[in-house]
């Protein structure tokens, strides 16, 4: 006779036979998947922003006067190339490529934060000096830019941390593979 009692609870049991190498593989795969998802999201945002900028160049709408310089287009193209490089290095498990990607991201993040800080200080100082208008008609464009900048900076910070973590995990995994051979 078989016992047909239903199972109501499930318990997680740690297997003492699991080696450190298999837990490292799990950490590598988890970190890699999270990094690929975040990079894909940031890549898609940059593609949408590229479409937004190209549309602003073509159409004369209310926000087109914010995008009359070429640096927005060049910066967005550079971000797309950077994110594509990150996707490639993450997908192919390139440890040194991930390290280079993370260091470029760190330098980019620090320089972007410094640049936006300088722009905000200059804008605040100029607004206090001029005070020609009291209405807030021109606040929508810069507010959208600052919001997008904050969101992408937070995502870039998380991506940089995960890139360094994945690179270190791949380095540790390489050392365990060498010792086992």
Protein backbone atom coordinates (compact mmCIF):
# COMPACT_ATOMS: atom_id res chain seq x y z
CA UNK A 1 0.00 0.00 0.00
CA UNK A 2 1.12 3.50 -0.70
CA UNK A 3 0.66 6.37 1.64
CA UNK A 4 -1.36 9.11 -0.07
CA UNK A 5 -0.88 11.85 2.50
CA UNK A 6 -0.56 15.29 0.96
CA UNK A 7 2.60 17.20 1.53
CA UNK A 8 1.77 20.59 3.05
CA UNK A 9 5.19 22.05 3.64
CA UNK A 10 8.48 22.05 1.84
CA UNK A 11 11.79 22.54 3.58
CA UNK A 12 15.08 23.72 2.18
CA UNK A 13 17.92 21.45 3.20
CA UNK A 14 21.49 22.44 2.64
CA UNK A 15 23.49 19.69 1.05
CA UNK A 16 26.81 19.30 2.86
CA UNK A 17 28.23 17.60 -0.22
CA UNK A 18 27.97 20.80 -2.25
CA UNK A 19 31.38 22.16 -2.92
CA UNK A 20 32.38 25.79 -2.84
CA UNK A 21 32.75 25.62 -6.62
CA UNK A 22 29.09 24.79 -7.23
CA UNK A 23 27.92 27.62 -4.98
CA UNK A 24 30.27 29.92 -6.88
CA UNK A 25 28.68 28.79 -10.16
CA UNK A 26 25.25 29.61 -8.76
CA UNK A 27 26.44 33.08 -7.70
CA UNK A 28 28.05 33.64 -11.10
CA UNK A 29 24.88 32.67 -12.98
CA UNK A 30 22.64 34.77 -10.71
CA UNK A 31 24.88 37.84 -10.95
CA UNK A 32 25.23 37.40 -14.71
CA UNK A 33 21.47 37.16 -15.25
CA UNK A 34 20.78 40.26 -13.14
CA UNK A 35 23.52 42.15 -14.95
CA UNK A 36 22.21 41.12 -18.37
CA UNK A 37 18.69 42.25 -17.46
CA UNK A 38 19.87 45.64 -16.15
CA UNK A 39 22.13 46.20 -19.15
CA UNK A 40 19.30 45.30 -21.52
CA UNK A 41 16.99 47.78 -19.79
CA UNK A 42 19.61 50.53 -19.95
CA UNK A 43 20.35 49.67 -23.58
CA UNK A 44 16.63 49.94 -24.41
CA UNK A 45 16.38 53.29 -22.57
CA UNK A 46 19.32 54.61 -24.55
CA UNK A 47 17.75 53.47 -27.82
CA UNK A 48 14.50 55.21 -26.87
CA UNK A 49 16.43 58.34 -25.93
CA UNK A 50 18.20 58.19 -29.30
CA UNK A 51 14.82 58.07 -31.04
CA UNK A 52 13.66 60.99 -28.86
CA UNK A 53 16.72 63.05 -29.83
CA UNK A 54 16.42 62.25 -33.54
CA UNK A 55 12.75 63.21 -33.37
CA UNK A 56 13.71 66.48 -31.67
CA UNK A 57 16.18 67.24 -34.45
CA UNK A 58 13.58 66.61 -37.14
CA UNK A 59 10.44 68.04 -35.57
CA UNK A 60 10.05 71.59 -34.33
CA UNK A 61 8.07 70.86 -31.19
CA UNK A 62 8.09 72.40 -27.71
CA UNK A 63 11.15 70.43 -26.57
CA UNK A 64 13.21 70.68 -29.77
CA UNK A 65 15.11 73.78 -28.64
CA UNK A 66 16.73 71.70 -25.88
CA UNK A 67 18.38 69.39 -28.41
CA UNK A 68 20.00 71.68 -30.94
CA UNK A 69 23.58 70.69 -30.07
CA UNK A 70 25.26 67.51 -31.25
CA UNK A 71 26.59 66.46 -27.85
CA UNK A 72 23.30 64.78 -26.86
CA UNK A 73 23.43 62.63 -29.99
CA UNK A 74 27.11 61.78 -29.53
CA UNK A 75 26.64 61.04 -25.82
CA UNK A 76 23.70 58.73 -26.53
CA UNK A 77 25.62 56.89 -29.25
CA UNK A 78 28.57 56.49 -26.86
CA UNK A 79 26.21 55.10 -24.19
CA UNK A 80 24.76 52.62 -26.68
CA UNK A 81 28.25 51.42 -27.64
CA UNK A 82 29.22 51.21 -23.95
CA UNK A 83 26.11 49.18 -23.06
CA UNK A 84 26.64 46.90 -26.07
CA UNK A 85 30.21 46.30 -24.86
CA UNK A 86 28.85 45.48 -21.41
CA UNK A 87 26.29 43.07 -22.83
CA UNK A 88 28.98 41.33 -24.88
CA UNK A 89 31.44 40.97 -22.00
CA UNK A 90 28.74 39.78 -19.61
CA UNK A 91 27.27 37.30 -22.08
CA UNK A 92 30.68 35.86 -23.00
CA UNK A 93 32.07 35.77 -19.41
CA UNK A 94 35.05 38.00 -20.29
CA UNK A 95 36.60 38.71 -16.88
CA UNK A 96 39.03 41.40 -18.04
CA UNK A 97 36.40 42.94 -20.29
CA UNK A 98 34.04 43.18 -17.32
CA UNK A 99 36.74 44.88 -15.29
CA UNK A 100 37.40 47.40 -18.09
CA UNK A 101 33.65 47.92 -18.49
CA UNK A 102 33.25 48.57 -14.75
CA UNK A 103 36.17 51.04 -14.62
CA UNK A 104 34.88 52.95 -17.64
CA UNK A 105 31.46 53.05 -15.95
CA UNK A 106 33.01 54.35 -12.73
CA UNK A 107 34.85 57.13 -14.55
CA UNK A 108 31.73 57.97 -16.56
CA UNK A 109 29.55 58.05 -13.46
CA UNK A 110 31.91 60.31 -11.52
CA UNK A 111 32.38 62.71 -14.45
CA UNK A 112 28.64 62.82 -15.15
CA UNK A 113 27.79 63.60 -11.55
CA UNK A 114 30.41 66.34 -11.47
CA UNK A 115 29.15 67.77 -14.75
CA UNK A 116 25.48 67.79 -13.69
CA UNK A 117 26.49 69.38 -10.39
CA UNK A 118 28.32 72.17 -12.20
CA UNK A 119 25.37 72.66 -14.57
CA UNK A 120 22.92 72.87 -11.66
CA UNK A 121 25.12 75.38 -9.79
CA UNK A 122 25.51 77.55 -12.90
CA UNK A 123 21.77 77.35 -13.66
CA UNK A 124 20.85 78.29 -10.09
CA UNK A 125 23.36 81.15 -10.03
CA UNK A 126 22.17 82.45 -13.42
CA UNK A 127 18.51 82.19 -12.41
CA UNK A 128 19.20 84.20 -9.25
CA UNK A 129 21.10 86.87 -11.20
CA UNK A 130 18.67 87.33 -14.09
CA UNK A 131 15.17 86.90 -12.61
CA UNK A 132 13.46 88.16 -15.74
CA UNK A 133 10.42 85.89 -15.55
CA UNK A 134 8.57 84.37 -12.65
CA UNK A 135 6.67 81.73 -14.60
CA UNK A 136 7.95 78.17 -14.79
CA UNK A 137 7.45 77.49 -18.49
CA UNK A 138 11.01 76.37 -19.08
CA UNK A 139 11.19 73.89 -16.22
CA UNK A 140 9.68 70.83 -17.96
CA UNK A 141 12.63 70.04 -20.26
CA UNK A 142 15.37 70.28 -17.60
CA UNK A 143 13.20 68.39 -15.12
CA UNK A 144 12.79 65.50 -17.56
CA UNK A 145 16.53 65.54 -18.21
CA UNK A 146 17.38 65.48 -14.48
CA UNK A 147 14.89 62.68 -13.80
CA UNK A 148 16.31 60.54 -16.62
CA UNK A 149 19.83 61.32 -15.43
CA UNK A 150 19.07 60.24 -11.84
CA UNK A 151 17.45 56.97 -12.95
CA UNK A 152 20.24 56.04 -15.34
CA UNK A 153 22.89 57.02 -12.77
CA UNK A 154 21.35 54.71 -10.18
CA UNK A 155 21.17 51.89 -12.72
CA UNK A 156 24.74 52.54 -13.85
CA UNK A 157 25.94 52.45 -10.23
CA UNK A 158 24.27 49.07 -9.69
CA UNK A 159 25.65 47.79 -13.02
CA UNK A 160 29.19 48.87 -12.08
CA UNK A 161 28.93 47.10 -8.72
CA UNK A 162 27.60 43.93 -10.32
CA UNK A 163 30.30 44.04 -13.01
CA UNK A 164 33.04 44.20 -10.39
CA UNK A 165 31.33 41.42 -8.43
CA UNK A 166 30.99 39.17 -11.49
CA UNK A 167 34.59 39.81 -12.48
CA UNK A 168 35.77 38.84 -9.00
CA UNK A 169 33.57 35.73 -8.99
CA UNK A 170 34.96 34.69 -12.36
CA UNK A 171 38.49 35.22 -11.06
CA UNK A 172 37.79 33.10 -7.96
CA UNK A 173 36.16 30.43 -10.11
CA UNK A 174 39.23 30.37 -12.37
CA UNK A 175 41.46 29.81 -9.35
CA UNK A 176 39.34 26.89 -8.11
CA UNK A 177 39.30 25.36 -11.58
CA UNK A 178 43.10 25.53 -11.76
CA UNK A 179 43.45 23.91 -8.32
CA UNK A 180 41.10 21.05 -9.22
CA UNK A 181 42.99 20.18 -12.39
